[in-house]
Amino acid sequence: EDFDALLPALQAVRATSRAFDTALQASDAGRFAIVSSLAVSRPLAGGANYAAVKAASEAWSRAVAHGFAKAARDADEPLRAASIVFRAKALDPEALAPAVLALWDEDAASLNDRVIELG
Protein backbone atom coordinates (compact mmCIF):
# COMPACT_ATOMS: atom_id res chain seq x y z
CA GLU A 1 0.00 0.00 0.00
CA ASP A 2 1.07 3.59 -0.66
CA PHE A 3 1.00 4.52 3.00
CA ASP A 4 3.44 1.78 3.97
CA ALA A 5 5.79 2.85 1.19
CA LEU A 6 5.64 6.49 2.35
CA LEU A 7 6.01 5.81 6.07
CA PRO A 8 9.84 5.66 6.00
CA ALA A 9 9.86 9.36 5.04
CA LEU A 10 8.12 10.24 8.32
CA GLN A 11 10.39 7.90 10.24
CA ALA A 12 13.42 9.62 8.68
CA VAL A 13 12.18 13.06 9.79
CA ARG A 14 11.65 11.76 13.30
CA ALA A 15 14.98 9.93 13.55
CA THR A 16 16.98 12.80 12.06
CA SER A 17 15.48 15.42 14.35
CA ARG A 18 16.13 13.27 17.39
CA ALA A 19 19.70 12.44 16.37
CA PHE A 20 20.64 16.08 15.83
CA ASP A 21 18.52 17.75 18.52
CA THR A 22 21.33 18.36 21.01
CA ALA A 23 23.72 19.63 18.33
CA LEU A 24 21.11 21.94 16.80
CA GLN A 25 20.26 23.46 20.18
CA ALA A 26 23.94 23.89 21.07
CA SER A 27 24.71 25.62 17.78
CA ASP A 28 24.68 29.40 17.45
CA ALA A 29 22.38 28.98 14.45
CA GLY A 30 20.89 25.49 14.32
CA ARG A 31 18.34 24.90 11.59
CA PHE A 32 16.08 21.89 11.00
CA ALA A 33 13.99 22.05 7.84
CA ILE A 34 11.77 19.69 5.90
CA VAL A 35 10.16 19.93 2.50
CA SER A 36 6.44 19.27 2.59
CA SER A 37 3.66 19.66 0.07
CA LEU A 38 0.80 22.01 -0.65
CA ALA A 39 -1.30 18.82 -0.60
CA VAL A 40 -1.30 19.17 3.20
CA SER A 41 -3.46 22.28 3.00
CA ARG A 42 -5.83 20.74 0.45
CA PRO A 43 -5.64 16.95 0.43
CA LEU A 44 -7.35 15.09 -2.39
CA ALA A 45 -8.83 11.60 -2.18
CA GLY A 46 -6.30 10.12 -4.58
CA GLY A 47 -3.38 11.54 -2.64
CA ALA A 48 -4.64 11.04 0.89
CA ASN A 49 -1.80 8.74 1.94
CA TYR A 50 0.82 11.17 0.66
CA ALA A 51 -0.90 14.15 2.29
CA ALA A 52 -1.27 12.26 5.59
CA VAL A 53 2.45 11.42 5.76
CA LYS A 54 3.40 14.98 4.84
CA ALA A 55 0.98 16.35 7.47
CA ALA A 56 2.46 14.05 10.10
CA SER A 57 5.96 15.18 9.13
CA GLU A 58 4.87 18.79 9.49
CA ALA A 59 3.35 18.07 12.89
CA TRP A 60 6.60 16.45 14.01
CA SER A 61 8.66 19.39 12.74
CA ARG A 62 6.39 21.86 14.50
CA ALA A 63 6.77 19.86 17.72
CA VAL A 64 10.54 20.13 17.23
CA ALA A 65 10.05 23.91 16.99
CA HIS A 66 8.12 23.86 20.25
CA GLY A 67 10.90 21.84 21.86
CA PHE A 68 13.53 24.34 20.71
CA ALA A 69 11.51 27.25 22.12
CA LYS A 70 10.79 25.49 25.41
CA ALA A 71 14.41 24.46 25.94
CA ALA A 72 15.62 28.02 25.34
CA ARG A 73 12.94 29.45 27.63
CA ASP A 74 13.67 26.91 30.38
CA ALA A 75 17.40 27.68 30.17
CA ASP A 76 16.67 31.42 30.14
CA GLU A 77 18.66 31.71 26.92
CA PRO A 78 17.84 33.22 23.55
CA LEU A 79 16.40 30.90 20.94
CA ARG A 80 19.20 29.85 18.59
CA ALA A 81 17.68 26.84 16.84
CA ALA A 82 14.71 26.86 14.49
CA SER A 83 12.54 24.23 12.85
CA ILE A 84 11.03 25.24 9.52
CA VAL A 85 8.66 23.63 7.01
CA PHE A 86 8.94 24.42 3.32
CA ARG A 87 5.80 23.66 1.30
CA ALA A 88 5.93 23.19 -2.45
CA LYS A 89 3.56 21.97 -5.14
CA ALA A 90 6.45 20.28 -6.92
CA LEU A 91 10.04 20.28 -5.74
CA ASP A 92 12.06 22.87 -7.61
CA PRO A 93 15.73 22.88 -6.57
CA GLU A 94 16.12 26.35 -8.08
CA ALA A 95 13.57 27.69 -5.58
CA LEU A 96 14.57 25.50 -2.64
CA ALA A 97 18.32 26.19 -2.59
CA PRO A 98 18.13 29.96 -2.04
CA ALA A 99 15.32 29.51 0.50
CA VAL A 100 17.47 27.12 2.52
CA LEU A 101 20.47 29.46 2.36
CA ALA A 102 18.26 32.34 3.52
CA LEU A 103 17.51 30.48 6.77
CA TRP A 104 20.74 31.91 8.19
CA ASP A 105 19.79 35.47 7.23
CA GLU A 106 17.10 35.59 9.94
CA ASP A 107 17.31 34.93 13.64
CA ALA A 108 15.87 31.73 15.02
CA ALA A 109 13.05 33.47 16.87
CA SER A 110 11.57 34.84 13.64
CA LEU A 111 11.97 31.52 11.80
CA ASN A 112 11.01 28.91 14.37
CA ASP A 113 7.73 27.11 13.61
CA ARG A 114 7.28 28.87 10.26
CA VAL A 115 5.74 27.32 7.19
CA ILE A 116 7.26 28.85 4.06
CA GLU A 117 5.55 28.28 0.72
CA LEU A 118 7.89 27.98 -2.23
CA GLY A 119 6.86 29.45 -5.60
C-alpha atoms as a PDB file:
ATOM      1  CA  GLU A   1       0.000   0.000   0.000  1.00  0.00           C
ATOM      2  CA  ASP A   2       1.071   3.590  -0.664  1.00  0.00           C
ATOM      3  CA  PHE A   3       0.998   4.520   3.003  1.00  0.00           C
ATOM      4  CA  ASP A   4       3.438   1.784   3.969  1.00  0.00           C
ATOM      5  CA  ALA A   5       5.790   2.855   1.187  1.00  0.00           C
ATOM      6  CA  LEU A   6       5.643   6.486   2.355  1.00  0.00           C
ATOM      7  CA  LEU A   7       6.007   5.812   6.074  1.00  0.00           C
ATOM      8  CA  PRO A   8       9.840   5.659   5.999  1.00  0.00           C
ATOM      9  CA  ALA A   9       9.862   9.355   5.045  1.00  0.00           C
ATOM     10  CA  LEU A  10       8.122  10.245   8.316  1.00  0.00           C
ATOM     11  CA  GLN A  11      10.388   7.904  10.236  1.00  0.00           C
ATOM     12  CA  ALA A  12      13.420   9.624   8.684  1.00  0.00           C
ATOM     13  CA  VAL A  13      12.176  13.061   9.788  1.00  0.00           C
ATOM     14  CA  ARG A  14      11.648  11.757  13.302  1.00  0.00           C
ATOM     15  CA  ALA A  15      14.980   9.932  13.551  1.00  0.00           C
ATOM     16  CA  THR A  16      16.982  12.799  12.058  1.00  0.00           C
ATOM     17  CA  SER A  17      15.483  15.424  14.346  1.00  0.00           C
ATOM     18  CA  ARG A  18      16.131  13.267  17.393  1.00  0.00           C
ATOM     19  CA  ALA A  19      19.696  12.441  16.367  1.00  0.00           C
ATOM     20  CA  PHE A  20      20.642  16.077  15.829  1.00  0.00           C
ATOM     21  CA  ASP A  21      18.518  17.753  18.520  1.00  0.00           C
ATOM     22  CA  THR A  22      21.332  18.361  21.009  1.00  0.00           C
ATOM     23  CA  ALA A  23      23.724  19.631  18.334  1.00  0.00           C
ATOM     24  CA  LEU A  24      21.112  21.937  16.801  1.00  0.00           C
ATOM     25  CA  GLN A  25      20.261  23.456  20.179  1.00  0.00           C
ATOM     26  CA  ALA A  26      23.943  23.890  21.070  1.00  0.00           C
ATOM     27  CA  SER A  27      24.706  25.616  17.781  1.00  0.00           C
ATOM     28  CA  ASP A  28      24.685  29.396  17.450  1.00  0.00           C
ATOM     29  CA  ALA A  29      22.377  28.983  14.448  1.00  0.00           C
ATOM     30  CA  GLY A  30      20.890  25.489  14.325  1.00  0.00           C
ATOM     31  CA  ARG A  31      18.339  24.900  11.595  1.00  0.00           C
ATOM     32  CA  PHE A  32      16.077  21.895  11.003  1.00  0.00           C
ATOM     33  CA  ALA A  33      13.987  22.051   7.836  1.00  0.00           C
ATOM     34  CA  ILE A  34      11.774  19.690   5.900  1.00  0.00           C
ATOM     35  CA  VAL A  35      10.156  19.933   2.498  1.00  0.00           C
ATOM     36  CA  SER A  36       6.444  19.273   2.586  1.00  0.00           C
ATOM     37  CA  SER A  37       3.664  19.660   0.069  1.00  0.00           C
ATOM     38  CA  LEU A  38       0.805  22.010  -0.652  1.00  0.00           C
ATOM     39  CA  ALA A  39      -1.295  18.824  -0.597  1.00  0.00           C
ATOM     40  CA  VAL A  40      -1.297  19.166   3.199  1.00  0.00           C
ATOM     41  CA  SER A  41      -3.456  22.282   2.999  1.00  0.00           C
ATOM     42  CA  ARG A  42      -5.833  20.739   0.454  1.00  0.00           C
ATOM     43  CA  PRO A  43      -5.639  16.954   0.429  1.00  0.00           C
ATOM     44  CA  LEU A  44      -7.353  15.088  -2.385  1.00  0.00           C
ATOM     45  CA  ALA A  45      -8.833  11.600  -2.183  1.00  0.00           C
ATOM     46  CA  GLY A  46      -6.300  10.119  -4.585  1.00  0.00           C
ATOM     47  CA  GLY A  47      -3.375  11.539  -2.640  1.00  0.00           C
ATOM     48  CA  ALA A  48      -4.638  11.038   0.889  1.00  0.00           C
ATOM     49  CA  ASN A  49      -1.800   8.736   1.944  1.00  0.00           C
ATOM     50  CA  TYR A  50       0.822  11.170   0.663  1.00  0.00           C
ATOM     51  CA  ALA A  51      -0.896  14.153   2.294  1.00  0.00           C
ATOM     52  CA  ALA A  52      -1.270  12.258   5.586  1.00  0.00           C
ATOM     53  CA  VAL A  53       2.446  11.419   5.763  1.00  0.00           C
ATOM     54  CA  LYS A  54       3.400  14.980   4.838  1.00  0.00           C
ATOM     55  CA  ALA A  55       0.980  16.354   7.468  1.00  0.00           C
ATOM     56  CA  ALA A  56       2.457  14.049  10.101  1.00  0.00           C
ATOM     57  CA  SER A  57       5.964  15.177   9.131  1.00  0.00           C
ATOM     58  CA  GLU A  58       4.874  18.793   9.494  1.00  0.00           C
ATOM     59  CA  ALA A  59       3.350  18.068  12.894  1.00  0.00           C
ATOM     60  CA  TRP A  60       6.595  16.446  14.014  1.00  0.00           C
ATOM     61  CA  SER A  61       8.658  19.392  12.741  1.00  0.00           C
ATOM     62  CA  ARG A  62       6.391  21.859  14.497  1.00  0.00           C
ATOM     63  CA  ALA A  63       6.767  19.862  17.715  1.00  0.00           C
ATOM     64  CA  VAL A  64      10.539  20.131  17.233  1.00  0.00           C
ATOM     65  CA  ALA A  65      10.049  23.906  16.991  1.00  0.00           C
ATOM     66  CA  HIS A  66       8.120  23.862  20.254  1.00  0.00           C
ATOM     67  CA  GLY A  67      10.904  21.835  21.862  1.00  0.00           C
ATOM     68  CA  PHE A  68      13.526  24.336  20.713  1.00  0.00           C
ATOM     69  CA  ALA A  69      11.510  27.247  22.119  1.00  0.00           C
ATOM     70  CA  LYS A  70      10.785  25.490  25.411  1.00  0.00           C
ATOM     71  CA  ALA A  71      14.411  24.462  25.938  1.00  0.00           C
ATOM     72  CA  ALA A  72      15.616  28.024  25.337  1.00  0.00           C
ATOM     73  CA  ARG A  73      12.943  29.452  27.634  1.00  0.00           C
ATOM     74  CA  ASP A  74      13.666  26.915  30.382  1.00  0.00           C
ATOM     75  CA  ALA A  75      17.399  27.680  30.167  1.00  0.00           C
ATOM     76  CA  ASP A  76      16.675  31.421  30.142  1.00  0.00           C
ATOM     77  CA  GLU A  77      18.659  31.713  26.916  1.00  0.00           C
ATOM     78  CA  PRO A  78      17.839  33.223  23.548  1.00  0.00           C
ATOM     79  CA  LEU A  79      16.398  30.898  20.937  1.00  0.00           C
ATOM     80  CA  ARG A  80      19.203  29.851  18.592  1.00  0.00           C
ATOM     81  CA  ALA A  81      17.679  26.840  16.840  1.00  0.00           C
ATOM     82  CA  ALA A  82      14.712  26.861  14.490  1.00  0.00           C
ATOM     83  CA  SER A  83      12.542  24.229  12.849  1.00  0.00           C
ATOM     84  CA  ILE A  84      11.025  25.244   9.520  1.00  0.00           C
ATOM     85  CA  VAL A  85       8.659  23.635   7.014  1.00  0.00           C
ATOM     86  CA  PHE A  86       8.936  24.418   3.320  1.00  0.00           C
ATOM     87  CA  ARG A  87       5.805  23.660   1.297  1.00  0.00           C
ATOM     88  CA  ALA A  88       5.929  23.188  -2.452  1.00  0.00           C
ATOM     89  CA  LYS A  89       3.562  21.968  -5.138  1.00  0.00           C
ATOM     90  CA  ALA A  90       6.453  20.281  -6.917  1.00  0.00           C
ATOM     91  CA  LEU A  91      10.035  20.277  -5.736  1.00  0.00           C
ATOM     92  CA  ASP A  92      12.059  22.872  -7.612  1.00  0.00           C
ATOM     93  CA  PRO A  93      15.726  22.877  -6.570  1.00  0.00           C
ATOM     94  CA  GLU A  94      16.124  26.353  -8.082  1.00  0.00           C
ATOM     95  CA  ALA A  95      13.573  27.690  -5.576  1.00  0.00           C
ATOM     96  CA  LEU A  96      14.567  25.500  -2.638  1.00  0.00           C
ATOM     97  CA  ALA A  97      18.317  26.190  -2.591  1.00  0.00           C
ATOM     98  CA  PRO A  98      18.129  29.961  -2.039  1.00  0.00           C
ATOM     99  CA  ALA A  99      15.316  29.512   0.496  1.00  0.00           C
ATOM    100  CA  VAL A 100      17.469  27.125   2.518  1.00  0.00           C
ATOM    101  CA  LEU A 101      20.472  29.459   2.363  1.00  0.00           C
ATOM    102  CA  ALA A 102      18.260  32.339   3.523  1.00  0.00           C
ATOM    103  CA  LEU A 103      17.514  30.476   6.770  1.00  0.00           C
ATOM    104  CA  TRP A 104      20.736  31.907   8.186  1.00  0.00           C
ATOM    105  CA  ASP A 105      19.787  35.474   7.233  1.00  0.00           C
ATOM    106  CA  GLU A 106      17.104  35.593   9.945  1.00  0.00           C
ATOM    107  CA  ASP A 107      17.306  34.934  13.642  1.00  0.00           C
ATOM    108  CA  ALA A 108      15.866  31.729  15.015  1.00  0.00           C
ATOM    109  CA  ALA A 109      13.047  33.471  16.873  1.00  0.00           C
ATOM    110  CA  SER A 110      11.569  34.838  13.643  1.00  0.00           C
ATOM    111  CA  LEU A 111      11.966  31.519  11.804  1.00  0.00           C
ATOM    112  CA  ASN A 112      11.015  28.912  14.367  1.00  0.00           C
ATOM    113  CA  ASP A 113       7.733  27.114  13.607  1.00  0.00           C
ATOM    114  CA  ARG A 114       7.281  28.872  10.264  1.00  0.00           C
ATOM    115  CA  VAL A 115       5.744  27.317   7.190  1.00  0.00           C
ATOM    116  CA  ILE A 116       7.258  28.852   4.065  1.00  0.00           C
ATOM    117  CA  GLU A 117       5.554  28.282   0.721  1.00  0.00           C
ATOM    118  CA  LEU A 118       7.894  27.978  -2.227  1.00  0.00           C
ATOM    119  CA  GLY A 119       6.857  29.446  -5.602  1.00  0.00           C
END
